[in-house]
């Protein structure tokens, strides 16, 4: 009976190692540094810019209690 338990434990241990990624190749790629002749530039001022813009269209639910403002559709 001890032989079957040792076999089951070894199977569980190897399955846990395989599923956790032990023994797999690392996913990090390393490249060698090279010297560059490009001039060094340092910008101290940064203008904030929006990455995404979308129009804001206000909507009203329910009835209007006053007249719509000028320029309203």
Protein backbone atom coordinates (compact mmCIF):
# COMPACT_ATOMS: atom_id res chain seq x y z
CA UNK A 1 0.00 0.00 0.00
CA UNK A 2 2.89 2.38 0.73
CA UNK A 3 4.13 1.90 -2.84
CA UNK A 4 0.83 3.18 -4.27
CA UNK A 5 0.80 6.17 -1.91
CA UNK A 6 4.37 7.10 -2.89
CA UNK A 7 3.44 6.79 -6.55
CA UNK A 8 0.33 8.95 -6.08
CA UNK A 9 2.33 11.55 -4.14
CA UNK A 10 4.98 11.65 -6.87
CA UNK A 11 2.26 12.02 -9.51
CA UNK A 12 0.60 14.87 -7.57
CA UNK A 13 3.94 16.60 -7.03
CA UNK A 14 4.90 16.37 -10.70
CA UNK A 15 1.44 17.59 -11.77
CA UNK A 16 1.70 20.56 -9.38
CA UNK A 17 5.16 21.44 -10.71
CA UNK A 18 4.00 21.14 -14.31
CA UNK A 19 0.89 23.26 -13.76
CA UNK A 20 2.75 25.94 -11.77
CA UNK A 21 5.31 26.42 -14.52
CA UNK A 22 8.38 24.89 -12.88
CA UNK A 23 10.83 23.75 -15.49
CA UNK A 24 9.43 25.94 -18.24
CA UNK A 25 11.51 28.48 -20.08
CA UNK A 26 11.46 32.05 -18.73
CA UNK A 27 9.40 34.60 -20.63
CA UNK A 28 11.93 37.41 -20.18
CA UNK A 29 14.03 38.40 -23.18
CA UNK A 30 17.35 40.11 -22.57
CA UNK A 31 19.25 42.14 -25.14
CA UNK A 32 22.74 43.59 -24.97
CA UNK A 33 23.14 47.33 -24.46
CA UNK A 34 24.73 49.27 -27.30
CA UNK A 35 26.21 52.72 -27.29
CA UNK A 36 24.31 55.24 -29.42
CA UNK A 37 25.50 58.44 -31.08
CA UNK A 38 22.13 60.18 -30.77
CA UNK A 39 22.18 63.43 -28.79
CA UNK A 40 20.73 63.36 -25.31
CA UNK A 41 17.65 65.53 -24.84
CA UNK A 42 15.89 66.24 -21.58
CA UNK A 43 12.50 67.91 -21.61
CA UNK A 44 11.45 69.48 -18.32
CA UNK A 45 8.04 70.76 -19.44
CA UNK A 46 5.31 68.43 -20.58
CA UNK A 47 1.98 69.57 -21.96
CA UNK A 48 -0.84 67.26 -20.88
CA UNK A 49 -2.74 65.87 -23.83
CA UNK A 50 -5.82 63.70 -23.82
CA UNK A 51 -5.37 60.23 -25.23
CA UNK A 52 -9.05 59.89 -26.11
CA UNK A 53 -11.62 62.56 -26.82
CA UNK A 54 -15.35 62.11 -27.10
CA UNK A 55 -18.12 64.66 -27.50
CA UNK A 56 -20.32 65.24 -24.46
CA UNK A 57 -23.98 65.18 -25.41
CA UNK A 58 -26.26 66.03 -22.48
CA UNK A 59 -29.58 64.21 -22.37
CA UNK A 60 -32.63 64.84 -20.22
CA UNK A 61 -35.01 62.21 -19.02
CA UNK A 62 -38.53 63.35 -18.30
CA UNK A 63 -40.47 66.44 -19.27
CA UNK A 64 -38.96 69.92 -19.55
CA UNK A 65 -40.23 72.37 -16.97
CA UNK A 66 -38.96 75.45 -18.86
CA UNK A 67 -38.26 76.45 -22.42
CA UNK A 68 -35.13 75.02 -24.05
CA UNK A 69 -32.16 77.42 -24.21
CA UNK A 70 -31.12 79.08 -27.45
CA UNK A 71 -29.19 76.79 -29.78
CA UNK A 72 -30.78 73.61 -28.43
CA UNK A 73 -31.91 71.10 -31.05
